[in-house]
Amino acid sequence: MRSAFGTKLRRWFRENGRDLPWRRTRDPYRILVSELMLQQTQVSRVVDYYARFLERFPTLADVGGAHSRHVLEAWAGLGYYNRARNLHRLATALTDHGRSRDASLPDDPRELACLPGIGPYTAGAIASFAFARRAALVDTNVARVLRRVFAPGLNPVSAKGQRAIWEMARALLPRTGAHGWTHNQALMELGAVVCTARVARCDICPVSSLCRSAFQPVRLRTRGTAATMKDRHGKSTLV
């Protein structure tokens, strides 16, 4: 099932994934900026801000050498300004206030998670998308997809539920980091445009045939001592 899930998911993404500017780069700094901006902000709003911010601060050293006020000015309108403050703190520390022009982010998720403003998800995203490391990542969209497909009864806000979802994300990773880039992007994309919080568009979902949430009690009947339930595809399943 894990193999089928990954194959279907990645094939769908290659054919349907949105062309977003941060998907065209493997530069760790640019990916960091995109991931910070995308936290609690819609993609449509981030696209323009992303381009303008990078035009003003094209490298990590440019951020590190700038006054925090100027970084916040470039961030104005996106909200959640702690993201910009953390970016400035991180850049200042890694580049020695902009003096080290060749400084870069580490490629190890554990080292990344120790930097200001970088949690487990962002660490996994940078390691996967910039460095092709075999790294899991779980954001709200990914958690929703994994829970609906594999564990509909799981409580995603409990500590136990969160650990289980991270374990699922790790178990589903392809063997190579190169395929992991597509896999992780595809998981996020599926949750953003198909398996959304408001509507689960199961009719166009590439993994609906594997999804445990797709089995709905349309009709229940018994045959002797065994009960069967028809799913939304009309297939009978023992319950």
C-alpha atoms as a PDB file:
ATOM      1  CA  MET A   1       0.000   0.000   0.000  1.00  0.00           C
ATOM      2  CA  ARG A   2       2.870   2.378   0.790  1.00  0.00           C
ATOM      3  CA  SER A   3       4.398   1.760  -2.618  1.00  0.00           C
ATOM      4  CA  ALA A   4       1.082   2.249  -4.422  1.00  0.00           C
ATOM      5  CA  PHE A   5       0.363   5.424  -2.463  1.00  0.00           C
ATOM      6  CA  GLY A   6       3.722   6.972  -3.331  1.00  0.00           C
ATOM      7  CA  THR A   7       3.543   5.984  -6.999  1.00  0.00           C
ATOM      8  CA  LYS A   8       0.039   7.384  -7.494  1.00  0.00           C
ATOM      9  CA  LEU A   9       0.822  10.543  -5.534  1.00  0.00           C
ATOM     10  CA  ARG A  10       4.029  11.417  -7.378  1.00  0.00           C
ATOM     11  CA  ARG A  11       2.549  10.657 -10.804  1.00  0.00           C
ATOM     12  CA  TRP A  12      -0.362  12.977 -10.049  1.00  0.00           C
ATOM     13  CA  PHE A  13       1.950  15.769  -8.909  1.00  0.00           C
ATOM     14  CA  ARG A  14       4.154  15.561 -11.995  1.00  0.00           C
ATOM     15  CA  GLU A  15       1.049  16.083 -14.136  1.00  0.00           C
ATOM     16  CA  ASN A  16      -0.842  18.560 -11.942  1.00  0.00           C
ATOM     17  CA  GLY A  17       1.549  20.365  -9.580  1.00  0.00           C
ATOM     18  CA  ARG A  18       1.378  24.164  -9.630  1.00  0.00           C
ATOM     19  CA  ASP A  19       4.295  26.099 -11.080  1.00  0.00           C
ATOM     20  CA  LEU A  20       5.419  28.098  -8.049  1.00  0.00           C
ATOM     21  CA  PRO A  21       8.626  30.195  -7.994  1.00  0.00           C
ATOM     22  CA  TRP A  22      10.145  28.427  -4.981  1.00  0.00           C
ATOM     23  CA  ARG A  23       9.731  25.101  -6.771  1.00  0.00           C
ATOM     24  CA  ARG A  24      12.132  26.301  -9.466  1.00  0.00           C
ATOM     25  CA  THR A  25      15.096  26.708  -7.119  1.00  0.00           C
ATOM     26  CA  ARG A  26      17.268  24.559  -4.901  1.00  0.00           C
ATOM     27  CA  ASP A  27      18.860  27.551  -3.182  1.00  0.00           C
ATOM     28  CA  PRO A  28      18.571  26.989   0.598  1.00  0.00           C
ATOM     29  CA  TYR A  29      18.103  30.683   1.386  1.00  0.00           C
ATOM     30  CA  ARG A  30      15.306  31.164  -1.144  1.00  0.00           C
ATOM     31  CA  ILE A  31      13.563  28.043   0.078  1.00  0.00           C
ATOM     32  CA  LEU A  32      13.887  29.267   3.669  1.00  0.00           C
ATOM     33  CA  VAL A  33      12.279  32.602   2.742  1.00  0.00           C
ATOM     34  CA  SER A  34       9.405  30.860   0.962  1.00  0.00           C
ATOM     35  CA  GLU A  35       8.769  28.460   3.830  1.00  0.00           C
ATOM     36  CA  LEU A  36       8.715  31.257   6.403  1.00  0.00           C
ATOM     37  CA  MET A  37       6.385  33.366   4.261  1.00  0.00           C
ATOM     38  CA  LEU A  38       4.035  30.444   3.622  1.00  0.00           C
ATOM     39  CA  GLN A  39       3.474  29.865   7.334  1.00  0.00           C
ATOM     40  CA  GLN A  40      -0.154  30.924   7.954  1.00  0.00           C
ATOM     41  CA  THR A  41      -0.263  32.879   4.671  1.00  0.00           C
ATOM     42  CA  GLN A  42      -1.977  31.940   1.403  1.00  0.00           C
ATOM     43  CA  VAL A  43       0.166  31.065  -1.614  1.00  0.00           C
ATOM     44  CA  SER A  44      -1.465  33.757  -3.770  1.00  0.00           C
ATOM     45  CA  ARG A  45      -0.339  36.483  -1.334  1.00  0.00           C
ATOM     46  CA  VAL A  46       3.167  35.101  -0.900  1.00  0.00           C
ATOM     47  CA  VAL A  47       4.124  35.011  -4.604  1.00  0.00           C
ATOM     48  CA  ASP A  48       4.460  38.786  -5.006  1.00  0.00           C
ATOM     49  CA  TYR A  49       6.052  39.374  -1.597  1.00  0.00           C
ATOM     50  CA  TYR A  50       8.554  36.597  -2.252  1.00  0.00           C
ATOM     51  CA  ALA A  51       9.816  38.195  -5.457  1.00  0.00           C
ATOM     52  CA  ARG A  52      10.054  41.694  -3.954  1.00  0.00           C
ATOM     53  CA  PHE A  53      11.818  40.487  -0.804  1.00  0.00           C
ATOM     54  CA  LEU A  54      14.431  38.563  -2.785  1.00  0.00           C
ATOM     55  CA  GLU A  55      15.001  41.548  -5.044  1.00  0.00           C
ATOM     56  CA  ARG A  56      15.848  43.654  -1.991  1.00  0.00           C
ATOM     57  CA  PHE A  57      17.699  40.884  -0.114  1.00  0.00           C
ATOM     58  CA  PRO A  58      19.086  38.452  -2.724  1.00  0.00           C
ATOM     59  CA  THR A  59      21.287  36.484  -0.275  1.00  0.00           C
ATOM     60  CA  LEU A  60      21.363  35.401   3.329  1.00  0.00           C
ATOM     61  CA  ALA A  61      24.303  37.751   3.904  1.00  0.00           C
ATOM     62  CA  ASP A  62      22.239  40.690   2.652  1.00  0.00           C
ATOM     63  CA  VAL A  63      19.653  39.961   5.333  1.00  0.00           C
ATOM     64  CA  GLY A  64      22.340  39.488   7.990  1.00  0.00           C
ATOM     65  CA  GLY A  65      24.017  42.769   7.133  1.00  0.00           C
ATOM     66  CA  ALA A  66      20.797  44.790   7.140  1.00  0.00           C
ATOM     67  CA  HIS A  67      19.177  46.575  10.050  1.00  0.00           C
ATOM     68  CA  SER A  68      16.215  44.630  11.392  1.00  0.00           C
ATOM     69  CA  ARG A  69      13.979  47.634  10.630  1.00  0.00           C
ATOM     70  CA  HIS A  70      14.704  47.307   6.927  1.00  0.00           C
ATOM     71  CA  VAL A  71      13.928  43.578   6.945  1.00  0.00           C
ATOM     72  CA  LEU A  72      10.609  44.288   8.664  1.00  0.00           C
ATOM     73  CA  GLU A  73       9.835  46.989   6.109  1.00  0.00           C
ATOM     74  CA  ALA A  74      10.299  44.489   3.272  1.00  0.00           C
ATOM     75  CA  TRP A  75       8.018  42.085   5.137  1.00  0.00           C
ATOM     76  CA  ALA A  76       5.302  44.718   5.715  1.00  0.00           C
ATOM     77  CA  GLY A  77       1.839  43.473   4.798  1.00  0.00           C
ATOM     78  CA  LEU A  78       2.492  39.766   5.306  1.00  0.00           C
ATOM     79  CA  GLY A  79       1.845  39.868   9.049  1.00  0.00           C
ATOM     80  CA  TYR A  80       3.231  37.528  11.723  1.00  0.00           C
ATOM     81  CA  TYR A  81       6.390  39.655  11.947  1.00  0.00           C
ATOM     82  CA  ASN A  82       8.189  37.225  14.224  1.00  0.00           C
ATOM     83  CA  ARG A  83       8.928  35.285  11.050  1.00  0.00           C
ATOM     84  CA  ALA A  84      10.922  38.235   9.705  1.00  0.00           C
ATOM     85  CA  ARG A  85      12.626  38.815  13.045  1.00  0.00           C
ATOM     86  CA  ASN A  86      13.675  35.175  13.226  1.00  0.00           C
ATOM     87  CA  LEU A  87      14.981  35.312   9.658  1.00  0.00           C
ATOM     88  CA  HIS A  88      17.097  38.336  10.552  1.00  0.00           C
ATOM     89  CA  ARG A  89      18.397  36.691  13.737  1.00  0.00           C
ATOM     90  CA  LEU A  90      19.283  33.533  11.828  1.00  0.00           C
ATOM     91  CA  ALA A  91      21.015  35.425   9.020  1.00  0.00           C
ATOM     92  CA  THR A  92      22.919  37.638  11.466  1.00  0.00           C
ATOM     93  CA  ALA A  93      24.250  34.617  13.350  1.00  0.00           C
ATOM     94  CA  LEU A  94      25.189  32.528  10.302  1.00  0.00           C
ATOM     95  CA  THR A  95      26.805  35.340   8.306  1.00  0.00           C
ATOM     96  CA  ASP A  96      28.403  37.315  11.157  1.00  0.00           C
ATOM     97  CA  HIS A  97      26.219  40.350  10.451  1.00  0.00           C
ATOM     98  CA  GLY A  98      26.640  39.940   6.713  1.00  0.00           C
ATOM     99  CA  ARG A  99      30.434  39.794   6.688  1.00  0.00           C
ATOM    100  CA  SER A 100      30.578  36.111   5.702  1.00  0.00           C
ATOM    101  CA  ARG A 101      29.236  36.173   2.144  1.00  0.00           C
ATOM    102  CA  ASP A 102      29.651  32.439   1.549  1.00  0.00           C
ATOM    103  CA  ALA A 103      27.767  31.310   4.674  1.00  0.00           C
ATOM    104  CA  SER A 104      24.907  28.920   4.087  1.00  0.00           C
ATOM    105  CA  LEU A 105      22.339  26.868   5.900  1.00  0.00           C
ATOM    106  CA  PRO A 106      23.260  23.366   7.133  1.00  0.00           C
ATOM    107  CA  ASP A 107      21.773  20.395   5.311  1.00  0.00           C
ATOM    108  CA  ASP A 108      21.032  18.283   8.406  1.00  0.00           C
ATOM    109  CA  PRO A 109      17.427  18.612   9.681  1.00  0.00           C
ATOM    110  CA  ARG A 110      18.611  18.360  13.288  1.00  0.00           C
ATOM    111  CA  GLU A 111      21.048  21.245  12.851  1.00  0.00           C
ATOM    112  CA  LEU A 112      18.462  23.284  10.970  1.00  0.00           C
ATOM    113  CA  ALA A 113      15.916  22.824  13.767  1.00  0.00           C
ATOM    114  CA  CYS A 114      18.317  24.532  16.190  1.00  0.00           C
ATOM    115  CA  LEU A 115      18.218  27.803  14.234  1.00  0.00           C
ATOM    116  CA  PRO A 116      15.843  30.681  15.139  1.00  0.00           C
ATOM    117  CA  GLY A 117      12.337  30.249  13.769  1.00  0.00           C
ATOM    118  CA  ILE A 118      12.969  26.814  12.240  1.00  0.00           C
ATOM    119  CA  GLY A 119      10.844  24.003  13.616  1.00  0.00           C
ATOM    120  CA  PRO A 120      10.689  20.339  12.575  1.00  0.00           C
ATOM    121  CA  TYR A 121       8.560  21.033   9.491  1.00  0.00           C
ATOM    122  CA  THR A 122      10.724  23.868   8.136  1.00  0.00           C
ATOM    123  CA  ALA A 123      13.882  21.878   8.865  1.00  0.00           C
ATOM    124  CA  GLY A 124      12.519  18.944   6.883  1.00  0.00           C
ATOM    125  CA  ALA A 125      11.424  21.209   4.033  1.00  0.00           C
ATOM    126  CA  ILE A 126      14.832  22.870   3.657  1.00  0.00           C
ATOM    127  CA  ALA A 127      16.696  19.565   3.917  1.00  0.00           C
ATOM    128  CA  SER A 128      14.405  17.953   1.346  1.00  0.00           C
ATOM    129  CA  PHE A 129      13.850  20.799  -1.126  1.00  0.00           C
ATOM    130  CA  ALA A 130      17.307  22.408  -1.046  1.00  0.00           C
ATOM    131  CA  PHE A 131      19.652  19.519  -0.315  1.00  0.00           C
ATOM    132  CA  ALA A 132      17.695  16.470  -1.561  1.00  0.00           C
ATOM    133  CA  ARG A 133      18.026  14.868   1.853  1.00  0.00           C
ATOM    134  CA  ARG A 134      15.686  12.010   2.702  1.00  0.00           C
ATOM    135  CA  ALA A 135      13.725  14.035   5.245  1.00  0.00           C
ATOM    136  CA  ALA A 136      10.113  13.883   6.373  1.00  0.00           C
ATOM    137  CA  LEU A 137       7.985  16.970   6.850  1.00  0.00           C
ATOM    138  CA  VAL A 138       4.529  17.455   8.320  1.00  0.00           C
ATOM    139  CA  ASP A 139       2.491  20.638   8.028  1.00  0.00           C
ATOM    140  CA  THR A 140      -1.282  21.044   8.378  1.00  0.00           C
ATOM    141  CA  ASN A 141      -1.955  19.851   4.833  1.00  0.00           C
ATOM    142  CA  VAL A 142       0.304  16.821   5.090  1.00  0.00           C
ATOM    143  CA  ALA A 143      -1.170  15.833   8.458  1.00  0.00           C
ATOM    144  CA  ARG A 144      -4.692  16.023   7.040  1.00  0.00           C
ATOM    145  CA  VAL A 145      -3.866  13.848   4.034  1.00  0.00           C
ATOM    146  CA  LEU A 146      -2.071  11.177   6.051  1.00  0.00           C
ATOM    147  CA  ARG A 147      -4.768  11.028   8.702  1.00  0.00           C
ATOM    148  CA  ARG A 148      -7.610  10.751   6.188  1.00  0.00           C
ATOM    149  CA  VAL A 149      -5.866   8.153   4.034  1.00  0.00           C
ATOM    150  CA  PHE A 150      -4.347   5.926   6.706  1.00  0.00           C
ATOM    151  CA  ALA A 151      -5.878   6.669  10.124  1.00  0.00           C
ATOM    152  CA  PRO A 152      -9.258   8.482  10.042  1.00  0.00           C
ATOM    153  CA  GLY A 153      -9.838   7.878  13.753  1.00  0.00           C
ATOM    154  CA  LEU A 154      -6.557   9.475  14.810  1.00  0.00           C
ATOM    155  CA  ASN A 155      -6.673  12.626  16.919  1.00  0.00           C
ATOM    156  CA  PRO A 156      -4.222  14.935  15.084  1.00  0.00           C
ATOM    157  CA  VAL A 157      -3.897  17.472  17.896  1.00  0.00           C
ATOM    158  CA  SER A 158      -2.875  15.013  20.604  1.00  0.00           C
ATOM    159  CA  ALA A 159       0.788  14.322  21.259  1.00  0.00           C
ATOM    160  CA  LYS A 160       0.240  10.671  20.412  1.00  0.00           C
ATOM    161  CA  GLY A 161      -1.524  11.571  17.179  1.00  0.00           C
ATOM    162  CA  GLN A 162       1.217  13.958  16.108  1.00  0.00           C
ATOM    163  CA  ARG A 163       3.901  11.357  16.753  1.00  0.00           C
ATOM    164  CA  ALA A 164       1.927   8.821  14.720  1.00  0.00           C
ATOM    165  CA  ILE A 165       1.585  11.210  11.773  1.00  0.00           C
ATOM    166  CA  TRP A 166       5.324  11.971  11.776  1.00  0.00           C
ATOM    167  CA  GLU A 167       6.034   8.242  11.878  1.00  0.00           C
ATOM    168  CA  MET A 168       3.740   7.742   8.878  1.00  0.00           C
ATOM    169  CA  ALA A 169       5.485  10.544   6.996  1.00  0.00           C
ATOM    170  CA  ARG A 170       8.884   8.921   7.611  1.00  0.00           C
ATOM    171  CA  ALA A 171       7.641   5.454   6.669  1.00  0.00           C
ATOM    172  CA  LEU A 172       6.226   6.722   3.359  1.00  0.00           C
ATOM    173  CA  LEU A 173       9.411   8.446   2.207  1.00  0.00           C
ATOM    174  CA  PRO A 174      10.931   7.097  -1.019  1.00  0.00           C
ATOM    175  CA  ARG A 175      14.342   5.504  -0.789  1.00  0.00           C
ATOM    176  CA  THR A 176      16.176   8.462  -2.320  1.00  0.00           C
ATOM    177  CA  GLY A 177      16.147  12.148  -1.497  1.00  0.00           C
ATOM    178  CA  ALA A 178      15.691  13.038  -5.171  1.00  0.00           C
ATOM    179  CA  HIS A 179      12.330  11.276  -5.231  1.00  0.00           C
ATOM    180  CA  GLY A 180      11.674  12.681  -1.767  1.00  0.00           C
ATOM    181  CA  TRP A 181      11.504  16.209  -3.221  1.00  0.00           C
ATOM    182  CA  THR A 182       8.612  15.203  -5.477  1.00  0.00           C
ATOM    183  CA  HIS A 183       6.972  13.111  -2.754  1.00  0.00           C
ATOM    184  CA  ASN A 184       6.977  15.878  -0.149  1.00  0.00           C
ATOM    185  CA  GLN A 185       5.841  18.540  -2.613  1.00  0.00           C
ATOM    186  CA  ALA A 186       3.061  16.216  -3.763  1.00  0.00           C
ATOM    187  CA  LEU A 187       1.797  15.566  -0.229  1.00  0.00           C
ATOM    188  CA  MET A 188       1.599  19.289   0.475  1.00  0.00           C
ATOM    189  CA  GLU A 189      -0.032  19.988  -2.893  1.00  0.00           C
ATOM    190  CA  LEU A 190      -2.674  17.307  -2.421  1.00  0.00           C
ATOM    191  CA  GLY A 191      -3.692  18.774   0.923  1.00  0.00           C
ATOM    192  CA  ALA A 192      -3.705  22.311  -0.457  1.00  0.00           C
ATOM    193  CA  VAL A 193      -5.818  21.822  -3.585  1.00  0.00           C
ATOM    194  CA  VAL A 194      -7.660  18.482  -3.365  1.00  0.00           C
ATOM    195  CA  CYS A 195      -7.908  17.068   0.163  1.00  0.00           C
ATOM    196  CA  THR A 196      -8.644  20.434   1.746  1.00  0.00           C
ATOM    197  CA  ALA A 197      -9.938  21.212   5.222  1.00  0.00           C
ATOM    198  CA  ARG A 198     -13.317  22.367   3.916  1.00  0.00           C
ATOM    199  CA  VAL A 199     -13.853  19.932   1.042  1.00  0.00           C
ATOM    200  CA  ALA A 200     -12.361  16.526   0.330  1.00  0.00           C
ATOM    201  CA  ARG A 201     -12.536  16.283  -3.457  1.00  0.00           C
ATOM    202  CA  CYS A 202     -12.422  12.503  -3.516  1.00  0.00           C
ATOM    203  CA  ASP A 203     -13.672  12.342  -7.107  1.00  0.00           C
ATOM    204  CA  ILE A 204     -10.359  13.724  -8.400  1.00  0.00           C
ATOM    205  CA  CYS A 205      -8.029  12.458  -5.673  1.00  0.00           C
ATOM    206  CA  PRO A 206      -5.207  10.281  -7.042  1.00  0.00           C
ATOM    207  CA  VAL A 207      -5.131   8.078  -3.917  1.00  0.00           C
ATOM    208  CA  SER A 208      -8.877   7.737  -3.280  1.00  0.00           C
ATOM    209  CA  SER A 209      -8.776   4.018  -4.075  1.00  0.00           C
ATOM    210  CA  LEU A 210      -6.411   3.556  -1.116  1.00  0.00           C
ATOM    211  CA  CYS A 211      -8.059   6.020   1.251  1.00  0.00           C
ATOM    212  CA  ARG A 212      -9.714   4.655   4.371  1.00  0.00           C
ATOM    213  CA  SER A 213     -11.850   7.779   4.692  1.00  0.00           C
ATOM    214  CA  ALA A 214     -13.328   7.100   1.246  1.00  0.00           C
ATOM    215  CA  PHE A 215     -15.255   4.115   2.604  1.00  0.00           C
ATOM    216  CA  GLN A 216     -18.609   5.538   3.590  1.00  0.00           C
ATOM    217  CA  PRO A 217     -21.540   3.499   4.987  1.00  0.00           C
ATOM    218  CA  VAL A 218     -23.778   3.824   1.940  1.00  0.00           C
ATOM    219  CA  ARG A 219     -25.569   0.564   2.555  1.00  0.00           C
ATOM    220  CA  LEU A 220     -25.138  -2.136   5.170  1.00  0.00           C
ATOM    221  CA  ARG A 221     -26.464  -5.667   4.745  1.00  0.00           C
ATOM    222  CA  THR A 222     -25.701  -9.044   6.214  1.00  0.00           C
ATOM    223  CA  ARG A 223     -24.969 -12.384   4.629  1.00  0.00           C
ATOM    224  CA  GLY A 224     -25.243 -15.001   7.300  1.00  0.00           C
ATOM    225  CA  THR A 225     -22.835 -13.984  10.062  1.00  0.00           C
ATOM    226  CA  ALA A 226     -20.765 -11.617   7.896  1.00  0.00           C
ATOM    227  CA  ALA A 227     -21.678  -8.004   7.196  1.00  0.00           C
ATOM    228  CA  THR A 228     -20.660  -6.120   4.061  1.00  0.00           C
ATOM    229  CA  MET A 229     -20.518  -2.419   3.339  1.00  0.00           C
ATOM    230  CA  LYS A 230     -20.452  -0.799  -0.065  1.00  0.00           C
ATOM    231  CA  ASP A 231     -17.986   2.031  -0.513  1.00  0.00           C
ATOM    232  CA  ARG A 232     -18.577   5.032  -2.769  1.00  0.00           C
ATOM    233  CA  HIS A 233     -17.153   3.087  -5.709  1.00  0.00           C
ATOM    234  CA  GLY A 234     -19.787   0.379  -5.241  1.00  0.00           C
ATOM    235  CA  LYS A 235     -17.286  -2.216  -4.078  1.00  0.00           C
ATOM    236  CA  SER A 236     -18.412  -4.497  -1.234  1.00  0.00           C
ATOM    237  CA  THR A 237     -16.098  -4.876   1.742  1.00  0.00           C
ATOM    238  CA  LEU A 238     -16.395  -7.020   4.858  1.00  0.00           C
ATOM    239  CA  VAL A 239     -16.862  -5.020   8.057  1.00  0.00           C
END
